[in-house]
Amino acid sequence: MDKKRLHLQVYGRVQGVFFRGSTRDEARRLMLRGWVRNVADGSVEVLAEGDEEDLGQLLSWCRRGPPAADVTRLESTWQPWQGTLEPFSVCY
């Protein structure tokens, strides 16, 4: 499998709905490395590394988010794998 890095910016009702914690749980289930954090503009930012197929599954999951979320827009950027990220965590 090809390893890649994926950067996401998720917009909509994504703060205060357990989006970060749910994203962390999904990323860990997929054995990805990286982080998720809230951004001052109300969006959520995700940076993840791992197998391209698993990153694709995380991308699909982030299009929906947890049940209380309402994702209105998602920006994604694929990048070369760098191997510098720690086990997936929530940044506070």
PDB file of N, CA and C in Angstrom:
ATOM      1  N   MET A   1       0.836  -1.197   0.000  1.00  0.00           N
ATOM      2  CA  MET A   1       0.000   0.000   0.000  1.00  0.00           C
ATOM      3  C   MET A   1       0.870   1.246   0.000  1.00  0.00           C
ATOM      4  N   ASP A   2       0.380   2.273  -0.674  1.00  0.00           N
ATOM      5  CA  ASP A   2       1.072   3.555  -0.691  1.00  0.00           C
ATOM      6  C   ASP A   2       0.733   4.349   0.558  1.00  0.00           C
ATOM      7  N   LYS A   3       1.754   4.921   1.167  1.00  0.00           N
ATOM      8  CA  LYS A   3       1.542   5.783   2.323  1.00  0.00           C
ATOM      9  C   LYS A   3       1.447   7.217   1.844  1.00  0.00           C
ATOM     10  N   LYS A   4       0.519   7.957   2.461  1.00  0.00           N
ATOM     11  CA  LYS A   4       0.267   9.342   2.087  1.00  0.00           C
ATOM     12  C   LYS A   4      -0.005  10.163   3.340  1.00  0.00           C
ATOM     13  N   ARG A   5      -0.108  11.456   3.123  1.00  0.00           N
ATOM     14  CA  ARG A   5      -0.539  12.404   4.157  1.00  0.00           C
ATOM     15  C   ARG A   5      -1.774  13.110   3.615  1.00  0.00           C
ATOM     16  N   LEU A   6      -2.756  13.343   4.487  1.00  0.00           N
ATOM     17  CA  LEU A   6      -4.003  13.989   4.093  1.00  0.00           C
ATOM     18  C   LEU A   6      -4.303  15.128   5.058  1.00  0.00           C
ATOM     19  N   HIS A   7      -4.522  16.318   4.493  1.00  0.00           N
ATOM     20  CA  HIS A   7      -4.909  17.480   5.286  1.00  0.00           C
ATOM     21  C   HIS A   7      -6.363  17.804   4.965  1.00  0.00           C
ATOM     22  N   LEU A   8      -7.180  17.977   6.003  1.00  0.00           N
ATOM     23  CA  LEU A   8      -8.603  18.270   5.834  1.00  0.00           C
ATOM     24  C   LEU A   8      -8.981  19.527   6.605  1.00  0.00           C
ATOM     25  N   GLN A   9      -9.892  20.294   6.031  1.00  0.00           N
ATOM     26  CA  GLN A   9     -10.531  21.403   6.720  1.00  0.00           C
ATOM     27  C   GLN A   9     -12.030  21.149   6.573  1.00  0.00           C
ATOM     28  N   VAL A  10     -12.710  20.991   7.704  1.00  0.00           N
ATOM     29  CA  VAL A  10     -14.118  20.601   7.709  1.00  0.00           C
ATOM     30  C   VAL A  10     -14.945  21.758   8.249  1.00  0.00           C
ATOM     31  N   TYR A  11     -15.978  22.156   7.489  1.00  0.00           N
ATOM     32  CA  TYR A  11     -16.808  23.305   7.830  1.00  0.00           C
ATOM     33  C   TYR A  11     -18.253  22.867   8.072  1.00  0.00           C
ATOM     34  N   GLY A  12     -18.971  23.693   8.808  1.00  0.00           N
ATOM     35  CA  GLY A  12     -20.372  23.429   9.125  1.00  0.00           C
ATOM     36  C   GLY A  12     -20.549  23.430  10.630  1.00  0.00           C
ATOM     37  N   ARG A  13     -21.534  22.666  11.106  1.00  0.00           N
ATOM     38  CA  ARG A  13     -21.704  22.508  12.559  1.00  0.00           C
ATOM     39  C   ARG A  13     -20.810  21.347  12.974  1.00  0.00           C
ATOM     40  N   VAL A  14     -19.544  21.686  13.249  1.00  0.00           N
ATOM     41  CA  VAL A  14     -18.549  20.647  13.533  1.00  0.00           C
ATOM     42  C   VAL A  14     -17.833  20.864  14.857  1.00  0.00           C
ATOM     43  N   GLN A  15     -18.131  21.956  15.542  1.00  0.00           N
ATOM     44  CA  GLN A  15     -17.587  22.167  16.884  1.00  0.00           C
ATOM     45  C   GLN A  15     -18.714  22.019  17.890  1.00  0.00           C
ATOM     46  N   GLY A  16     -18.397  21.403  19.033  1.00  0.00           N
ATOM     47  CA  GLY A  16     -19.408  21.195  20.066  1.00  0.00           C
ATOM     48  C   GLY A  16     -20.300  19.999  19.801  1.00  0.00           C
ATOM     49  N   VAL A  17     -19.915  19.132  18.859  1.00  0.00           N
ATOM     50  CA  VAL A  17     -20.712  17.956  18.521  1.00  0.00           C
ATOM     51  C   VAL A  17     -19.877  16.669  18.596  1.00  0.00           C
ATOM     52  N   PHE A  18     -18.763  16.725  19.341  1.00  0.00           N
ATOM     53  CA  PHE A  18     -17.851  15.592  19.529  1.00  0.00           C
ATOM     54  C   PHE A  18     -17.171  15.182  18.216  1.00  0.00           C
ATOM     55  N   PHE A  19     -16.967  16.147  17.309  1.00  0.00           N
ATOM     56  CA  PHE A  19     -16.313  15.845  16.034  1.00  0.00           C
ATOM     57  C   PHE A  19     -14.866  15.437  16.247  1.00  0.00           C
ATOM     58  N   ARG A  20     -14.136  16.178  17.089  1.00  0.00           N
ATOM     59  CA  ARG A  20     -12.719  15.851  17.306  1.00  0.00           C
ATOM     60  C   ARG A  20     -12.545  14.469  17.916  1.00  0.00           C
ATOM     61  N   GLY A  21     -13.282  14.192  18.972  1.00  0.00           N
ATOM     62  CA  GLY A  21     -13.143  12.895  19.631  1.00  0.00           C
ATOM     63  C   GLY A  21     -13.541  11.740  18.729  1.00  0.00           C
ATOM     64  N   SER A  22     -14.608  11.938  17.975  1.00  0.00           N
ATOM     65  CA  SER A  22     -15.060  10.890  17.054  1.00  0.00           C
ATOM     66  C   SER A  22     -14.057  10.685  15.925  1.00  0.00           C
ATOM     67  N   THR A  23     -13.462  11.785  15.433  1.00  0.00           N
ATOM     68  CA  THR A  23     -12.442  11.672  14.390  1.00  0.00           C
ATOM     69  C   THR A  23     -11.230  10.918  14.914  1.00  0.00           C
ATOM     70  N   ARG A  24     -10.815  11.241  16.150  1.00  0.00           N
ATOM     71  CA  ARG A  24      -9.699  10.524  16.767  1.00  0.00           C
ATOM     72  C   ARG A  24      -9.998   9.026  16.838  1.00  0.00           C
ATOM     73  N   ASP A  25     -11.190   8.679  17.286  1.00  0.00           N
ATOM     74  CA  ASP A  25     -11.549   7.265  17.415  1.00  0.00           C
ATOM     75  C   ASP A  25     -11.529   6.562  16.058  1.00  0.00           C
ATOM     76  N   GLU A  26     -12.061   7.221  15.036  1.00  0.00           N
ATOM     77  CA  GLU A  26     -12.088   6.631  13.697  1.00  0.00           C
ATOM     78  C   GLU A  26     -10.668   6.492  13.145  1.00  0.00           C
ATOM     79  N   ALA A  27      -9.844   7.510  13.326  1.00  0.00           N
ATOM     80  CA  ALA A  27      -8.457   7.454  12.840  1.00  0.00           C
ATOM     81  C   ALA A  27      -7.671   6.355  13.548  1.00  0.00           C
ATOM     82  N   ARG A  28      -7.870   6.206  14.831  1.00  0.00           N
ATOM     83  CA  ARG A  28      -7.178   5.136  15.567  1.00  0.00           C
ATOM     84  C   ARG A  28      -7.651   3.766  15.094  1.00  0.00           C
ATOM     85  N   ARG A  29      -8.946   3.639  14.835  1.00  0.00           N
ATOM     86  CA  ARG A  29      -9.479   2.372  14.324  1.00  0.00           C
ATOM     87  C   ARG A  29      -8.802   2.013  13.001  1.00  0.00           C
ATOM     88  N   LEU A  30      -8.515   3.046  12.195  1.00  0.00           N
ATOM     89  CA  LEU A  30      -7.870   2.844  10.898  1.00  0.00           C
ATOM     90  C   LEU A  30      -6.341   2.784  11.000  1.00  0.00           C
ATOM     91  N   MET A  31      -5.830   2.921  12.224  1.00  0.00           N
ATOM     92  CA  MET A  31      -4.388   2.858  12.497  1.00  0.00           C
ATOM     93  C   MET A  31      -3.611   3.987  11.803  1.00  0.00           C
ATOM     94  N   LEU A  32      -4.216   5.175  11.811  1.00  0.00           N
ATOM     95  CA  LEU A  32      -3.579   6.353  11.238  1.00  0.00           C
ATOM     96  C   LEU A  32      -2.861   7.137  12.326  1.00  0.00           C
ATOM     97  N   ARG A  33      -1.941   7.973  11.910  1.00  0.00           N
ATOM     98  CA  ARG A  33      -1.223   8.861  12.818  1.00  0.00           C
ATOM     99  C   ARG A  33      -1.595  10.290  12.468  1.00  0.00           C
ATOM    100  N   GLY A  34      -1.558  11.187  13.462  1.00  0.00           N
ATOM    101  CA  GLY A  34      -1.856  12.579  13.181  1.00  0.00           C
ATOM    102  C   GLY A  34      -2.602  13.267  14.295  1.00  0.00           C
ATOM    103  N   TRP A  35      -3.400  14.266  13.917  1.00  0.00           N
ATOM    104  CA  TRP A  35      -4.125  15.051  14.917  1.00  0.00           C
ATOM    105  C   TRP A  35      -5.367  15.699  14.320  1.00  0.00           C
ATOM    106  N   VAL A  36      -6.226  16.155  15.227  1.00  0.00           N
ATOM    107  CA  VAL A  36      -7.437  16.905  14.868  1.00  0.00           C
ATOM    108  C   VAL A  36      -7.560  18.048  15.858  1.00  0.00           C
ATOM    109  N   ARG A  37      -8.000  19.227  15.364  1.00  0.00           N
ATOM    110  CA  ARG A  37      -8.141  20.376  16.258  1.00  0.00           C
ATOM    111  C   ARG A  37      -9.236  21.321  15.761  1.00  0.00           C
ATOM    112  N   ASN A  38      -9.810  22.065  16.721  1.00  0.00           N
ATOM    113  CA  ASN A  38     -10.742  23.137  16.388  1.00  0.00           C
ATOM    114  C   ASN A  38      -9.954  24.339  15.890  1.00  0.00           C
ATOM    115  N   VAL A  39     -10.557  25.101  14.979  1.00  0.00           N
ATOM    116  CA  VAL A  39      -9.959  26.320  14.452  1.00  0.00           C
ATOM    117  C   VAL A  39     -10.860  27.487  14.841  1.00  0.00           C
ATOM    118  N   ALA A  40     -10.267  28.645  15.042  1.00  0.00           N
ATOM    119  CA  ALA A  40     -11.004  29.817  15.519  1.00  0.00           C
ATOM    120  C   ALA A  40     -12.173  30.205  14.610  1.00  0.00           C
ATOM    121  N   ASP A  41     -12.115  29.872  13.321  1.00  0.00           N
ATOM    122  CA  ASP A  41     -13.207  30.229  12.408  1.00  0.00           C
ATOM    123  C   ASP A  41     -14.404  29.287  12.501  1.00  0.00           C
ATOM    124  N   GLY A  42     -14.362  28.308  13.423  1.00  0.00           N
ATOM    125  CA  GLY A  42     -15.473  27.373  13.612  1.00  0.00           C
ATOM    126  C   GLY A  42     -15.313  26.065  12.875  1.00  0.00           C
ATOM    127  N   SER A  43     -14.254  25.927  12.096  1.00  0.00           N
ATOM    128  CA  SER A  43     -14.004  24.681  11.368  1.00  0.00           C
ATOM    129  C   SER A  43     -13.178  23.723  12.230  1.00  0.00           C
ATOM    130  N   VAL A  44     -12.975  22.538  11.699  1.00  0.00           N
ATOM    131  CA  VAL A  44     -12.110  21.536  12.315  1.00  0.00           C
ATOM    132  C   VAL A  44     -11.038  21.175  11.298  1.00  0.00           C
ATOM    133  N   GLU A  45      -9.798  21.099  11.761  1.00  0.00           N
ATOM    134  CA  GLU A  45      -8.658  20.763  10.907  1.00  0.00           C
ATOM    135  C   GLU A  45      -8.137  19.385  11.288  1.00  0.00           C
ATOM    136  N   VAL A  46      -7.800  18.594  10.274  1.00  0.00           N
ATOM    137  CA  VAL A  46      -7.303  17.236  10.472  1.00  0.00           C
ATOM    138  C   VAL A  46      -6.023  17.071   9.646  1.00  0.00           C
ATOM    139  N   LEU A  47      -5.006  16.478  10.246  1.00  0.00           N
ATOM    140  CA  LEU A  47      -3.804  16.084   9.514  1.00  0.00           C
ATOM    141  C   LEU A  47      -3.530  14.632   9.864  1.00  0.00           C
ATOM    142  N   ALA A  48      -3.482  13.778   8.849  1.00  0.00           N
ATOM    143  CA  ALA A  48      -3.333  12.339   9.095  1.00  0.00           C
ATOM    144  C   ALA A  48      -2.376  11.718   8.094  1.00  0.00           C
ATOM    145  N   GLU A  49      -1.689  10.687   8.542  1.00  0.00           N
ATOM    146  CA  GLU A  49      -0.797   9.903   7.683  1.00  0.00           C
ATOM    147  C   GLU A  49      -1.101   8.431   7.841  1.00  0.00           C
ATOM    148  N   GLY A  50      -0.900   7.700   6.758  1.00  0.00           N
ATOM    149  CA  GLY A  50      -1.081   6.260   6.797  1.00  0.00           C
ATOM    150  C   GLY A  50      -1.278   5.722   5.395  1.00  0.00           C
ATOM    151  N   ASP A  51      -1.831   4.519   5.319  1.00  0.00           N
ATOM    152  CA  ASP A  51      -2.107   3.916   4.024  1.00  0.00           C
ATOM    153  C   ASP A  51      -3.176   4.724   3.301  1.00  0.00           C
ATOM    154  N   GLU A  52      -2.977   4.916   2.006  1.00  0.00           N
ATOM    155  CA  GLU A  52      -3.882   5.745   1.211  1.00  0.00           C
ATOM    156  C   GLU A  52      -5.332   5.267   1.311  1.00  0.00           C
ATOM    157  N   GLU A  53      -5.539   3.969   1.311  1.00  0.00           N
ATOM    158  CA  GLU A  53      -6.899   3.429   1.399  1.00  0.00           C
ATOM    159  C   GLU A  53      -7.553   3.797   2.735  1.00  0.00           C
ATOM    160  N   ASP A  54      -6.791   3.694   3.819  1.00  0.00           N
ATOM    161  CA  ASP A  54      -7.324   4.040   5.141  1.00  0.00           C
ATOM    162  C   ASP A  54      -7.602   5.540   5.243  1.00  0.00           C
ATOM    163  N   LEU A  55      -6.729   6.354   4.661  1.00  0.00           N
ATOM    164  CA  LEU A  55      -6.969   7.799   4.628  1.00  0.00           C
ATOM    165  C   LEU A  55      -8.235   8.119   3.848  1.00  0.00           C
ATOM    166  N   GLY A  56      -8.476   7.387   2.775  1.00  0.00           N
ATOM    167  CA  GLY A  56      -9.699   7.568   2.003  1.00  0.00           C
ATOM    168  C   GLY A  56     -10.931   7.263   2.828  1.00  0.00           C
ATOM    169  N   GLN A  57     -10.833   6.253   3.690  1.00  0.00           N
ATOM    170  CA  GLN A  57     -11.959   5.935   4.573  1.00  0.00           C
ATOM    171  C   GLN A  57     -12.184   7.044   5.592  1.00  0.00           C
ATOM    172  N   LEU A  58     -11.092   7.625   6.112  1.00  0.00           N
ATOM    173  CA  LEU A  58     -11.232   8.741   7.043  1.00  0.00           C
ATOM    174  C   LEU A  58     -11.852   9.947   6.336  1.00  0.00           C
ATOM    175  N   LEU A  59     -11.438  10.213   5.118  1.00  0.00           N
ATOM    176  CA  LEU A  59     -12.003  11.300   4.326  1.00  0.00           C
ATOM    177  C   LEU A  59     -13.512  11.117   4.160  1.00  0.00           C
ATOM    178  N   SER A  60     -13.927   9.921   3.807  1.00  0.00           N
ATOM    179  CA  SER A  60     -15.365   9.632   3.659  1.00  0.00           C
ATOM    180  C   SER A  60     -16.101   9.832   4.973  1.00  0.00           C
ATOM    181  N   TRP A  61     -15.501   9.376   6.067  1.00  0.00           N
ATOM    182  CA  TRP A  61     -16.124   9.531   7.380  1.00  0.00           C
ATOM    183  C   TRP A  61     -16.281  11.016   7.729  1.00  0.00           C
ATOM    184  N   CYS A  62     -15.249  11.812   7.455  1.00  0.00           N
ATOM    185  CA  CYS A  62     -15.290  13.239   7.788  1.00  0.00           C
ATOM    186  C   CYS A  62     -16.326  13.999   6.962  1.00  0.00           C
ATOM    187  N   ARG A  63     -16.711  13.479   5.829  1.00  0.00           N
ATOM    188  CA  ARG A  63     -17.777  14.125   5.042  1.00  0.00           C
ATOM    189  C   ARG A  63     -19.113  14.081   5.790  1.00  0.00           C
ATOM    190  N   ARG A  64     -19.275  13.107   6.676  1.00  0.00           N
ATOM    191  CA  ARG A  64     -20.501  12.967   7.479  1.00  0.00           C
ATOM    192  C   ARG A  64     -20.270  13.438   8.907  1.00  0.00           C
ATOM    193  N   GLY A  65     -19.187  12.950   9.522  1.00  0.00           N
ATOM    194  CA  GLY A  65     -18.905  13.240  10.919  1.00  0.00           C
ATOM    195  C   GLY A  65     -19.812  12.456  11.843  1.00  0.00           C
ATOM    196  N   PRO A  66     -19.785  12.789  13.126  1.00  0.00           N
ATOM    197  CA  PRO A  66     -20.650  12.110  14.089  1.00  0.00           C
ATOM    198  C   PRO A  66     -22.108  12.532  13.879  1.00  0.00           C
ATOM    199  N   PRO A  67     -23.046  11.826  14.501  1.00  0.00           N
ATOM    200  CA  PRO A  67     -24.470  12.078  14.253  1.00  0.00           C
ATOM    201  C   PRO A  67     -24.921  13.526  14.427  1.00  0.00           C
ATOM    202  N   ALA A  68     -24.399  14.258  15.393  1.00  0.00           N
ATOM    203  CA  ALA A  68     -24.863  15.628  15.652  1.00  0.00           C
ATOM    204  C   ALA A  68     -24.232  16.663  14.717  1.00  0.00           C
ATOM    205  N   ALA A  69     -23.262  16.261  13.924  1.00  0.00           N
ATOM    206  CA  ALA A  69     -22.573  17.198  13.031  1.00  0.00           C
ATOM    207  C   ALA A  69     -23.397  17.460  11.773  1.00  0.00           C
ATOM    208  N   ASP A  70     -23.130  18.603  11.158  1.00  0.00           N
ATOM    209  CA  ASP A  70     -23.716  18.944   9.864  1.00  0.00           C
ATOM    210  C   ASP A  70     -22.585  19.537   9.014  1.00  0.00           C
ATOM    211  N   VAL A  71     -21.911  18.677   8.266  1.00  0.00           N
ATOM    212  CA  VAL A  71     -20.784  19.102   7.439  1.00  0.00           C
ATOM    213  C   VAL A  71     -21.333  19.759   6.171  1.00  0.00           C
ATOM    214  N   THR A  72     -20.960  21.011   5.953  1.00  0.00           N
ATOM    215  CA  THR A  72     -21.428  21.740   4.774  1.00  0.00           C
ATOM    216  C   THR A  72     -20.358  21.847   3.696  1.00  0.00           C
ATOM    217  N   ARG A  73     -19.100  21.725   4.091  1.00  0.00           N
ATOM    218  CA  ARG A  73     -18.002  21.809   3.128  1.00  0.00           C
ATOM    219  C   ARG A  73     -16.784  21.111   3.698  1.00  0.00           C
ATOM    220  N   LEU A  74     -16.024  20.468   2.829  1.00  0.00           N
ATOM    221  CA  LEU A  74     -14.797  19.791   3.244  1.00  0.00           C
ATOM    222  C   LEU A  74     -13.735  20.054   2.181  1.00  0.00           C
ATOM    223  N   GLU A  75     -12.603  20.571   2.604  1.00  0.00           N
ATOM    224  CA  GLU A  75     -11.474  20.791   1.708  1.00  0.00           C
ATOM    225  C   GLU A  75     -10.410  19.755   2.030  1.00  0.00           C
ATOM    226  N   SER A  76      -9.898  19.085   1.013  1.00  0.00           N
ATOM    227  CA  SER A  76      -8.885  18.047   1.242  1.00  0.00           C
ATOM    228  C   SER A  76      -7.682  18.281   0.344  1.00  0.00           C
ATOM    229  N   THR A  77      -6.518  17.998   0.898  1.00  0.00           N
ATOM    230  CA  THR A  77      -5.271  18.108   0.162  1.00  0.00           C
ATOM    231  C   THR A  77      -4.435  16.862   0.442  1.00  0.00           C
ATOM    232  N   TRP A  78      -4.114  16.142  -0.613  1.00  0.00           N
ATOM    233  CA  TRP A  78      -3.235  14.971  -0.487  1.00  0.00           C
ATOM    234  C   TRP A  78      -1.794  15.445  -0.582  1.00  0.00           C
ATOM    235  N   GLN A  79      -0.942  14.906   0.278  1.00  0.00           N
ATOM    236  CA  GLN A  79       0.461  15.292   0.325  1.00  0.00           C
ATOM    237  C   GLN A  79       1.326  14.038   0.409  1.00  0.00           C
ATOM    238  N   PRO A  80       2.616  14.166   0.119  1.00  0.00           N
ATOM    239  CA  PRO A  80       3.513  13.018   0.279  1.00  0.00           C
ATOM    240  C   PRO A  80       3.635  12.630   1.753  1.00  0.00           C
ATOM    241  N   TRP A  81       3.774  11.358   2.002  1.00  0.00           N
ATOM    242  CA  TRP A  81       3.975  10.849   3.356  1.00  0.00           C
ATOM    243  C   TRP A  81       5.306  11.362   3.886  1.00  0.00           C
ATOM    244  N   GLN A  82       5.310  11.817   5.135  1.00  0.00           N
ATOM    245  CA  GLN A  82       6.540  12.309   5.748  1.00  0.00           C
ATOM    246  C   GLN A  82       6.991  11.455   6.919  1.00  0.00           C
ATOM    247  N   GLY A  83       6.072  10.713   7.527  1.00  0.00           N
ATOM    248  CA  GLY A  83       6.436   9.835   8.637  1.00  0.00           C
ATOM    249  C   GLY A  83       6.805  10.559   9.912  1.00  0.00           C
ATOM    250  N   THR A  84       6.294  11.779  10.093  1.00  0.00           N
ATOM    251  CA  THR A  84       6.677  12.577  11.268  1.00  0.00           C
ATOM    252  C   THR A  84       5.582  12.701  12.308  1.00  0.00           C
ATOM    253  N   LEU A  85       4.400  12.152  12.066  1.00  0.00           N
ATOM    254  CA  LEU A  85       3.275  12.355  12.985  1.00  0.00           C
ATOM    255  C   LEU A  85       3.250  11.291  14.071  1.00  0.00           C
ATOM    256  N   GLU A  86       2.762  11.708  15.235  1.00  0.00           N
ATOM    257  CA  GLU A  86       2.619  10.847  16.413  1.00  0.00           C
ATOM    258  C   GLU A  86       1.309  10.063  16.317  1.00  0.00           C
ATOM    259  N   PRO A  87       1.077   9.113  17.245  1.00  0.00           N
ATOM    260  CA  PRO A  87      -0.226   8.440  17.287  1.00  0.00           C
ATOM    261  C   PRO A  87      -1.349   9.469  17.319  1.00  0.00           C
ATOM    262  N   PHE A  88      -2.475   9.161  16.690  1.00  0.00           N
ATOM    263  CA  PHE A  88      -3.535  10.141  16.467  1.00  0.00           C
ATOM    264  C   PHE A  88      -4.072  10.680  17.774  1.00  0.00           C
ATOM    265  N   SER A  89      -4.201  12.018  17.848  1.00  0.00           N
ATOM    266  CA  SER A  89      -4.652  12.658  19.064  1.00  0.00           C
ATOM    267  C   SER A  89      -5.489  13.893  18.766  1.00  0.00           C
ATOM    268  N   VAL A  90      -6.163  14.372  19.813  1.00  0.00           N
ATOM    269  CA  VAL A  90      -6.915  15.618  19.748  1.00  0.00           C
ATOM    270  C   VAL A  90      -6.008  16.716  20.283  1.00  0.00           C
ATOM    271  N   CYS A  91      -5.858  17.801  19.541  1.00  0.00           N
ATOM    272  CA  CYS A  91      -5.104  18.972  20.009  1.00  0.00           C
ATOM    273  C   CYS A  91      -6.066  19.919  20.700  1.00  0.00           C
ATOM    274  N   TYR A  92      -5.661  20.402  21.836  1.00  0.00           N
ATOM    275  CA  TYR A  92      -6.505  21.345  22.611  1.00  0.00           C
ATOM    276  C   TYR A  92      -5.858  22.706  22.617  1.00  0.00           C
TER     277      TYR A  92
END
